Protein backbone atom coordinates (compact mmCIF):
# COMPACT_ATOMS: atom_id res chain seq x y z
CA MET A 1 31.80 1.86 -5.81
CA ASP A 2 31.74 1.53 -9.31
CA ASP A 3 29.90 -0.26 -11.57
CA ILE A 4 32.26 -3.18 -11.83
CA VAL A 5 32.10 -3.85 -8.08
CA LYS A 6 28.26 -3.50 -8.46
CA LYS A 7 28.13 -6.35 -11.38
CA HIS A 8 30.45 -8.44 -9.67
CA LEU A 9 27.84 -8.49 -6.39
CA ILE A 10 24.87 -9.04 -8.36
CA ARG A 11 26.62 -12.03 -10.16
CA GLU A 12 27.73 -13.25 -6.72
CA GLU A 13 24.38 -12.23 -4.47
CA GLY A 14 21.84 -12.27 -7.25
CA PHE A 15 19.25 -9.56 -7.88
CA HIS A 16 16.27 -10.24 -5.82
CA GLN A 17 13.30 -8.31 -5.71
CA ILE A 18 11.22 -10.84 -3.64
CA PRO A 19 12.87 -12.01 -0.44
CA TYR A 20 14.30 -15.31 0.03
CA VAL A 21 16.24 -17.35 2.79
CA ASP A 22 19.88 -17.23 1.81
CA SER A 23 22.42 -20.18 2.18
CA LYS A 24 23.00 -19.32 5.94
CA GLY A 25 19.09 -19.11 6.70
CA ILE A 26 19.08 -15.25 6.64
CA PRO A 27 15.79 -13.44 5.32
CA THR A 28 17.54 -11.61 2.38
CA VAL A 29 16.31 -9.43 -0.70
CA GLY A 30 17.93 -7.16 -3.27
CA ILE A 31 21.58 -7.55 -3.69
CA GLY A 32 22.51 -9.33 -0.50
CA HIS A 33 20.28 -7.03 2.01
CA ASN A 34 20.08 -8.77 5.29
CA ILE A 35 16.55 -8.00 6.28
CA ALA A 36 16.50 -9.75 9.59
CA ILE A 37 18.23 -6.81 11.12
CA LYS A 38 17.39 -3.38 11.92
CA GLN A 39 17.01 -1.33 8.87
CA SER A 40 18.26 2.25 8.86
CA LYS A 41 15.78 5.23 9.01
CA GLU A 42 16.91 5.88 5.58
CA ILE A 43 16.07 2.60 3.87
CA VAL A 44 12.69 2.53 5.58
CA TRP A 45 11.77 5.91 4.19
CA ALA A 46 12.96 4.88 1.05
CA LEU A 47 10.65 1.80 1.23
CA TYR A 48 7.72 4.05 2.15
CA GLU A 49 8.24 6.51 -0.70
CA ASN A 50 8.55 3.70 -3.42
CA ASP A 51 5.30 2.50 -1.96
CA GLU A 52 3.64 5.59 -1.77
CA LYS A 53 4.50 6.33 -5.57
CA LYS A 54 3.39 2.68 -6.42
CA THR A 55 0.08 3.07 -4.52
CA ILE A 56 -0.54 6.49 -6.19
CA GLU A 57 0.17 4.94 -9.72
CA TYR A 58 -2.22 2.08 -9.12
CA LEU A 59 -5.03 4.52 -8.11
CA ASP A 60 -4.33 6.56 -11.12
CA PHE A 61 -4.44 3.49 -13.34
CA TYR A 62 -7.16 1.67 -12.03
CA LEU A 63 -9.36 4.28 -10.27
CA GLY A 64 -8.75 7.51 -12.14
CA TRP A 65 -11.98 9.16 -11.01
CA TRP A 66 -10.27 8.95 -7.41
CA ARG A 67 -8.33 12.39 -8.22
CA GLY A 68 -12.07 13.84 -8.15
CA LEU A 69 -12.80 13.32 -4.61
CA ASP A 70 -12.09 15.89 -1.96
CA GLU A 71 -8.75 15.70 -0.33
CA SER A 72 -9.70 13.96 2.89
CA ARG A 73 -11.55 11.24 0.96
CA GLN A 74 -8.42 10.96 -1.44
CA LYS A 75 -6.10 10.56 1.43
CA ALA A 76 -8.25 7.56 3.05
CA LEU A 77 -8.62 5.71 -0.16
CA PHE A 78 -5.04 6.03 -0.39
CA VAL A 79 -4.67 4.68 3.13
CA MET A 80 -7.05 1.82 2.40
CA CYS A 81 -5.18 0.95 -0.80
CA PHE A 82 -1.62 1.20 0.98
CA GLN A 83 -2.77 -1.24 3.47
CA MET A 84 -4.52 -3.96 1.15
CA GLY A 85 -2.98 -3.18 -2.14
CA ILE A 86 -5.01 -2.20 -5.13
CA ASP A 87 -6.08 -5.74 -6.15
CA SER A 88 -7.98 -6.23 -2.65
CA LEU A 89 -9.08 -2.68 -2.82
CA ARG A 90 -10.57 -3.19 -6.34
CA GLY A 91 -12.80 -6.01 -4.90
CA PHE A 92 -14.68 -3.54 -2.87
CA LYS A 93 -17.06 -2.55 -5.84
CA LYS A 94 -20.22 -1.42 -4.10
CA MET A 95 -18.07 0.85 -2.10
CA LEU A 96 -15.81 2.51 -4.66
CA LYS A 97 -19.10 2.85 -6.93
CA ALA A 98 -20.65 4.77 -4.02
CA LEU A 99 -17.68 6.83 -3.44
CA GLU A 100 -17.20 7.46 -7.51
CA ALA A 101 -20.71 8.58 -7.07
CA GLY A 102 -20.31 10.91 -4.08
CA ASN A 103 -22.80 8.87 -2.22
CA TYR A 104 -20.58 8.90 0.91
CA ARG A 105 -22.93 7.21 3.58
CA GLU A 106 -23.10 4.31 1.36
CA SER A 107 -19.40 4.00 0.57
CA TYR A 108 -19.21 4.14 4.72
CA LYS A 109 -21.86 1.18 4.95
CA GLU A 110 -20.18 -0.83 2.48
CA ALA A 111 -16.37 -0.20 3.83
CA LEU A 112 -17.85 -1.68 7.24
CA ASP A 113 -19.67 -4.52 5.30
CA SER A 114 -16.67 -6.22 4.84
CA LYS A 115 -14.12 -8.94 6.39
CA TRP A 116 -11.69 -6.09 6.12
CA PHE A 117 -13.83 -4.27 9.31
CA ARG A 118 -15.12 -7.80 10.63
CA GLU A 119 -11.60 -9.67 10.78
CA ASP A 120 -8.73 -7.95 9.46
CA SER A 121 -8.23 -4.22 10.67
CA PRO A 122 -11.77 -3.34 12.59
CA GLY A 123 -9.95 -0.16 13.88
CA ARG A 124 -8.46 1.11 10.74
CA ALA A 125 -11.45 0.18 8.69
CA LYS A 126 -13.77 2.25 10.70
CA ARG A 127 -11.26 5.15 10.96
CA VAL A 128 -11.38 4.92 6.94
CA ALA A 129 -15.09 4.49 6.51
CA LYS A 130 -15.58 7.70 8.96
CA ILE A 131 -13.31 9.44 6.46
CA PHE A 132 -15.32 8.59 3.69
CA LEU A 133 -18.85 9.52 5.55
CA SER A 134 -17.45 12.73 7.18
CA GLY A 135 -14.81 14.03 4.59
CA LYS A 136 -12.29 14.90 7.66
CA PHE A 137 -9.05 13.29 7.63
CA LYS A 138 -7.90 12.97 11.26
């Protein structure tokens, strides 16, 4: 379809970057995209690729030193940021300071001394913390 149709649909459906419930009670996002139905693999991968790109951009902007970590620890920090978002990740001040300094035992300890480990995602937190400690991404 051409831009005229796209503009028409935006006028009719709106352009929503935040999900909302439409007039029929259907969770919707974008330009009338129903998110209450099974999404295609292409949509799921496009969402992931966008999220991956934004996560890397946030890490580069807020924690530029992360690129100096070895590959496994970069991946672990990426996974952590992907899960919780950059704002929450930045709250791990002691853990990040230890990681930046190369004090991996301390970064491990600080990752586990958190609500993330105690309440939110204990299994995931432990796996990521072990990568900080060992330098081996599994």
